[in-house]
Structure formats: C-alpha cells, structure tokens
C-alpha atoms as a PDB file:
ATOM      1  CA  MET A   1     119.418 119.870 188.048  1.00  0.00           C
ATOM      2  CA  ALA A   2     118.974 121.564 184.658  1.00  0.00           C
ATOM      3  CA  GLN A   3     122.735 121.868 184.124  1.00  0.00           C
ATOM      4  CA  HIS A   4     122.796 118.549 182.236  1.00  0.00           C
ATOM      5  CA  ARG A   5     120.806 118.661 179.028  1.00  0.00           C
ATOM      6  CA  PRO A   6     119.753 116.003 176.567  1.00  0.00           C
ATOM      7  CA  PRO A   7     120.875 114.050 174.745  1.00  0.00           C
ATOM      8  CA  PHE A   8     122.375 112.340 177.780  1.00  0.00           C
ATOM      9  CA  THR A   9     125.494 110.240 177.828  1.00  0.00           C
ATOM     10  CA  LEU A  10     125.802 107.434 180.341  1.00  0.00           C
ATOM     11  CA  GLU A  11     127.872 109.762 182.549  1.00  0.00           C
ATOM     12  CA  THR A  12     125.584 112.810 182.337  1.00  0.00           C
ATOM     13  CA  ALA A  13     122.493 110.662 182.902  1.00  0.00           C
ATOM     14  CA  HIS A  14     124.084 109.219 186.053  1.00  0.00           C
ATOM     15  CA  GLN A  15     124.925 112.743 187.237  1.00  0.00           C
ATOM     16  CA  LYS A  16     121.332 113.832 186.555  1.00  0.00           C
ATOM     17  CA  VAL A  17     119.990 110.946 188.648  1.00  0.00           C
ATOM     18  CA  LYS A  18     122.253 111.721 191.599  1.00  0.00           C
ATOM     19  CA  ALA A  19     121.395 115.441 191.373  1.00  0.00           C
ATOM     20  CA  ALA A  20     117.704 114.501 191.548  1.00  0.00           C
ATOM     21  CA  GLN A  21     118.407 112.258 194.534  1.00  0.00           C
ATOM     22  CA  ALA A  22     120.166 115.097 196.363  1.00  0.00           C
ATOM     23  CA  LEU A  23     117.415 117.583 195.522  1.00  0.00           C
ATOM     24  CA  TRP A  24     114.598 115.301 196.687  1.00  0.00           C
ATOM     25  CA  ASN A  25     116.474 114.515 199.911  1.00  0.00           C
ATOM     26  CA  THR A  26     116.285 118.225 200.821  1.00  0.00           C
ATOM     27  CA  ARG A  27     112.497 117.760 201.168  1.00  0.00           C
ATOM     28  CA  LYS A  28     111.934 121.339 199.941  1.00  0.00           C
ATOM     29  CA  PRO A  29     108.826 121.204 197.727  1.00  0.00           C
ATOM     30  CA  PHE A  30     109.346 124.579 196.041  1.00  0.00           C
ATOM     31  CA  ASN A  31     112.958 123.792 195.108  1.00  0.00           C
ATOM     32  CA  VAL A  32     112.088 120.327 193.830  1.00  0.00           C
ATOM     33  CA  ALA A  33     109.198 121.667 191.724  1.00  0.00           C
ATOM     34  CA  GLN A  34     111.569 124.118 189.989  1.00  0.00           C
ATOM     35  CA  ALA A  35     113.504 121.185 188.469  1.00  0.00           C
ATOM     36  CA  TYR A  36     110.458 120.520 186.271  1.00  0.00           C
ATOM     37  CA  THR A  37     109.058 122.497 183.355  1.00  0.00           C
ATOM     38  CA  PRO A  38     106.155 124.847 184.227  1.00  0.00           C
ATOM     39  CA  THR A  39     103.766 122.461 182.447  1.00  0.00           C
ATOM     40  CA  ALA A  40     105.379 119.199 183.611  1.00  0.00           C
ATOM     41  CA  ILE A  41     103.159 116.121 183.657  1.00  0.00           C
ATOM     42  CA  TRP A  42     103.387 113.693 186.572  1.00  0.00           C
ATOM     43  CA  ARG A  43     101.874 110.365 187.407  1.00  0.00           C
ATOM     44  CA  ASN A  44     102.737 109.405 190.961  1.00  0.00           C
ATOM     45  CA  ARG A  45     101.122 106.032 191.640  1.00  0.00           C
ATOM     46  CA  SER A  46      97.427 106.831 190.998  1.00  0.00           C
ATOM     47  CA  THR A  47      97.775 110.627 191.237  1.00  0.00           C
ATOM     48  CA  PHE A  48      98.027 112.743 188.096  1.00  0.00           C
ATOM     49  CA  LEU A  49      99.514 116.247 188.289  1.00  0.00           C
ATOM     50  CA  ARG A  50     100.473 119.094 185.988  1.00  0.00           C
ATOM     51  CA  GLY A  51     102.705 122.086 186.615  1.00  0.00           C
ATOM     52  CA  HIS A  52     104.692 123.614 189.449  1.00  0.00           C
ATOM     53  CA  ALA A  53     101.785 124.505 191.752  1.00  0.00           C
ATOM     54  CA  GLU A  54     100.307 120.985 191.730  1.00  0.00           C
ATOM     55  CA  ILE A  55     103.747 119.389 192.141  1.00  0.00           C
ATOM     56  CA  GLU A  56     104.644 121.664 195.056  1.00  0.00           C
ATOM     57  CA  ASP A  57     101.295 121.026 196.770  1.00  0.00           C
ATOM     58  CA  PHE A  58     101.670 117.267 196.294  1.00  0.00           C
ATOM     59  CA  LEU A  59     105.217 117.249 197.701  1.00  0.00           C
ATOM     60  CA  THR A  60     104.201 119.387 200.679  1.00  0.00           C
ATOM     61  CA  LYS A  61     101.523 116.845 201.605  1.00  0.00           C
ATOM     62  CA  LYS A  62     103.854 113.932 200.866  1.00  0.00           C
ATOM     63  CA  TRP A  63     106.534 115.141 203.264  1.00  0.00           C
ATOM     64  CA  GLU A  64     103.982 116.020 205.935  1.00  0.00           C
ATOM     65  CA  LYS A  65     103.165 112.298 205.930  1.00  0.00           C
ATOM     66  CA  GLU A  66     106.605 110.822 205.149  1.00  0.00           C
ATOM     67  CA  LYS A  67     108.893 111.885 207.996  1.00  0.00           C
ATOM     68  CA  GLU A  68     112.628 111.119 208.174  1.00  0.00           C
ATOM     69  CA  TYR A  69     112.538 110.597 204.401  1.00  0.00           C
ATOM     70  CA  ARG A  70     115.732 109.183 202.844  1.00  0.00           C
ATOM     71  CA  LEU A  71     115.868 108.399 199.131  1.00  0.00           C
ATOM     72  CA  ARG A  72     118.265 106.572 196.836  1.00  0.00           C
ATOM     73  CA  LYS A  73     117.955 106.553 193.052  1.00  0.00           C
ATOM     74  CA  GLU A  74     119.889 104.415 190.580  1.00  0.00           C
ATOM     75  CA  MET A  75     119.724 104.704 186.805  1.00  0.00           C
ATOM     76  CA  PHE A  76     119.025 101.530 184.888  1.00  0.00           C
ATOM     77  CA  ALA A  77     118.474 102.884 181.371  1.00  0.00           C
ATOM     78  CA  GLN A  78     118.922 106.070 179.352  1.00  0.00           C
ATOM     79  CA  HIS A  79     118.454 107.145 175.758  1.00  0.00           C
ATOM     80  CA  ASP A  80     118.512 110.634 174.255  1.00  0.00           C
ATOM     81  CA  ASN A  81     116.192 112.704 176.500  1.00  0.00           C
ATOM     82  CA  ARG A  82     114.902 109.836 178.651  1.00  0.00           C
ATOM     83  CA  ILE A  83     116.161 108.242 181.835  1.00  0.00           C
ATOM     84  CA  CYS A  84     114.727 105.284 183.738  1.00  0.00           C
ATOM     85  CA  VAL A  85     115.404 105.012 187.442  1.00  0.00           C
ATOM     86  CA  GLN A  86     114.798 102.519 190.202  1.00  0.00           C
ATOM     87  CA  PHE A  87     114.566 103.928 193.676  1.00  0.00           C
ATOM     88  CA  TRP A  88     114.111 103.094 197.314  1.00  0.00           C
ATOM     89  CA  TYR A  89     113.136 105.451 200.058  1.00  0.00           C
ATOM     90  CA  GLU A  90     112.504 104.967 203.729  1.00  0.00           C
ATOM     91  CA  TYR A  91     110.310 107.034 205.989  1.00  0.00           C
ATOM     92  CA  THR A  92     108.263 107.002 209.135  1.00  0.00           C
ATOM     93  CA  ASP A  93     104.587 107.235 208.320  1.00  0.00           C
ATOM     94  CA  ALA A  94     102.959 110.080 210.263  1.00  0.00           C
ATOM     95  CA  HIS A  95      99.542 108.693 209.275  1.00  0.00           C
ATOM     96  CA  ASP A  96     100.337 105.188 210.574  1.00  0.00           C
ATOM     97  CA  PHE A  97     101.792 105.484 214.099  1.00  0.00           C
ATOM     98  CA  MET A  98     105.249 106.537 212.774  1.00  0.00           C
ATOM     99  CA  ILE A  99     105.982 103.018 211.512  1.00  0.00           C
ATOM    100  CA  TRP A 100     109.104 102.685 209.345  1.00  0.00           C
ATOM    101  CA  LYS A 101     108.314 101.865 205.716  1.00  0.00           C
ATOM    102  CA  ARG A 102     110.264 101.519 202.484  1.00  0.00           C
ATOM    103  CA  CYS A 103     108.992 102.310 199.017  1.00  0.00           C
ATOM    104  CA  TYR A 104     110.390 100.316 196.103  1.00  0.00           C
ATOM    105  CA  GLY A 105     109.753 101.951 192.768  1.00  0.00           C
ATOM    106  CA  ILE A 106     110.543 102.792 189.189  1.00  0.00           C
ATOM    107  CA  GLU A 107     110.401 106.131 187.394  1.00  0.00           C
ATOM    108  CA  HIS A 108     110.468 107.035 183.735  1.00  0.00           C
ATOM    109  CA  TRP A 109     111.649 110.584 183.062  1.00  0.00           C
ATOM    110  CA  THR A 110     111.473 112.674 179.878  1.00  0.00           C
ATOM    111  CA  PHE A 111     113.417 115.937 179.640  1.00  0.00           C
ATOM    112  CA  ALA A 112     112.933 119.153 177.696  1.00  0.00           C
ATOM    113  CA  ALA A 113     115.819 120.641 175.712  1.00  0.00           C
ATOM    114  CA  ASP A 114     116.681 122.977 178.633  1.00  0.00           C
ATOM    115  CA  GLY A 115     117.361 119.988 180.919  1.00  0.00           C
ATOM    116  CA  LYS A 116     114.241 120.364 183.050  1.00  0.00           C
ATOM    117  CA  MET A 117     112.028 117.330 183.435  1.00  0.00           C
ATOM    118  CA  GLU A 118     108.791 117.573 181.457  1.00  0.00           C
ATOM    119  CA  LYS A 119     107.311 114.181 182.301  1.00  0.00           C
ATOM    120  CA  ARG A 120     107.657 111.904 185.338  1.00  0.00           C
ATOM    121  CA  MET A 121     105.881 108.580 185.531  1.00  0.00           C
ATOM    122  CA  MET A 122     106.284 106.784 188.885  1.00  0.00           C
ATOM    123  CA  SER A 123     105.157 103.420 190.169  1.00  0.00           C
ATOM    124  CA  GLY A 124     105.955 102.379 193.714  1.00  0.00           C
ATOM    125  CA  ASN A 125     105.006  99.970 196.456  1.00  0.00           C
ATOM    126  CA  ASP A 126     105.384 100.509 200.190  1.00  0.00           C
ATOM    127  CA  VAL A 127     106.319  97.790 202.645  1.00  0.00           C
ATOM    128  CA  VAL A 128     106.584  97.904 206.419  1.00  0.00           C
ATOM    129  CA  ILE A 129     110.217  97.394 207.449  1.00  0.00           C
ATOM    130  CA  GLY A 130     110.363  98.462 211.093  1.00  0.00           C
ATOM    131  CA  GLU A 131     113.426 100.019 212.689  1.00  0.00           C
ATOM    132  CA  LYS A 132     115.527  96.846 212.271  1.00  0.00           C
ATOM    133  CA  GLY A 133     114.858  96.649 208.537  1.00  0.00           C
ATOM    134  CA  ARG A 134     116.230 100.093 207.728  1.00  0.00           C
ATOM    135  CA  TRP A 135     119.098 100.522 205.263  1.00  0.00           C
ATOM    136  CA  PHE A 136     119.435 104.307 205.355  1.00  0.00           C
ATOM    137  CA  LYS A 137     120.007 104.943 209.045  1.00  0.00           C
ATOM    138  CA  ASP A 138     121.114 108.264 210.509  1.00  0.00           C
ATOM    139  CA  GLY A 139     124.689 109.097 209.545  1.00  0.00           C
ATOM    140  CA  VAL A 140     124.869 106.488 206.756  1.00  0.00           C
ATOM    141  CA  ASP A 141     125.877 107.623 203.270  1.00  0.00           C
ATOM    142  CA  ILE A 142     122.902 106.430 201.227  1.00  0.00           C
ATOM    143  CA  ASP A 143     125.085 105.681 198.196  1.00  0.00           C
ATOM    144  CA  SER A 144     127.434 103.493 200.270  1.00  0.00           C
ATOM    145  CA  VAL A 145     124.718 100.993 201.205  1.00  0.00           C
ATOM    146  CA  ALA A 146     125.424  97.802 199.267  1.00  0.00           C
ATOM    147  CA  LEU A 147     122.344  96.630 197.398  1.00  0.00           C
ATOM    148  CA  GLY A 148     122.239  93.196 195.788  1.00  0.00           C
ATOM    149  CA  GLU A 149     119.920  91.468 193.335  1.00  0.00           C
ATOM    150  CA  LYS A 150     117.491  90.627 196.132  1.00  0.00           C
ATOM    151  CA  ASP A 151     117.030  94.365 196.727  1.00  0.00           C
ATOM    152  CA  PHE A 152     116.018  95.153 193.183  1.00  0.00           C
END
C-alpha cells in the first residue's frame, strides 16, 4: 500500500483506496498494521490507538467478532497527503447470534512521505441487515455492486 506516495493525484488516491480495501479484505491483522507508520494514530469509533502492536491487537479482536467480513471503500475527497473515504462492510456478528450487519462509515486518512498512513480517523454505524439485506454476497465482486444515493 506504500507504493503510492503523497502528494496524491485523483488517480493515485483512488488506487490507494482500492489497495487498502484489498488489504483489509484479507483480514490479516499483522499485514494490515504494516501499512501504517510505527507510530500511527487511530481513532476507530470511540477507541484510540497508537502504533503497530495496538493496531494489530485491535484488528485481531475485530475479526474474531466480525465473521465473513466484506468491505468496500470509495474515495470522496483527496488533497496532498490526505484522503477521505466512505465505506460499507458487512459481517456476521459472532457476539450477537451471527446476525448479518452492515457498517456505514467515513474515514479521514493522513499519509507520511513514505506512503504509509500516519493517522486514521474513523466514524461508523452498524445496522442489522439480515441475510436478505446483504449486498456483498459470496462470489460477488464487491466493486461491481451498484450503489446509489440512497446507499450513501
């Protein structure tokens, strides 16, 4: 993910977002944590983290809870070393009877000169969708799902 470095063009910012999407969809906490600087600052909802070890621990716990995780990210703004993203992910909640849920959220990213993310601020809200409400079903290309204004 560090191959694209700031300042970002519209094209390189889009590529950075899709690389992040692919990386997160691996659900490999160690690999995801390496896309951030060693002293990266995170706010994930009401949780505040700093550095690789805290990020990896957080993601490990996250994906123990969020099974069958499928994420889509779309860029909506970029400038110099910053990118803003809206995202949706679906998962079955291992802490809530494996009910299907979707998180709707926004992230603000700031990147270091080497292309690694140094700051990630995330806000998100989960809603119960059930099996019938899923967009990102098995075998579906996440990026091919048509999303309209009602989905944003």
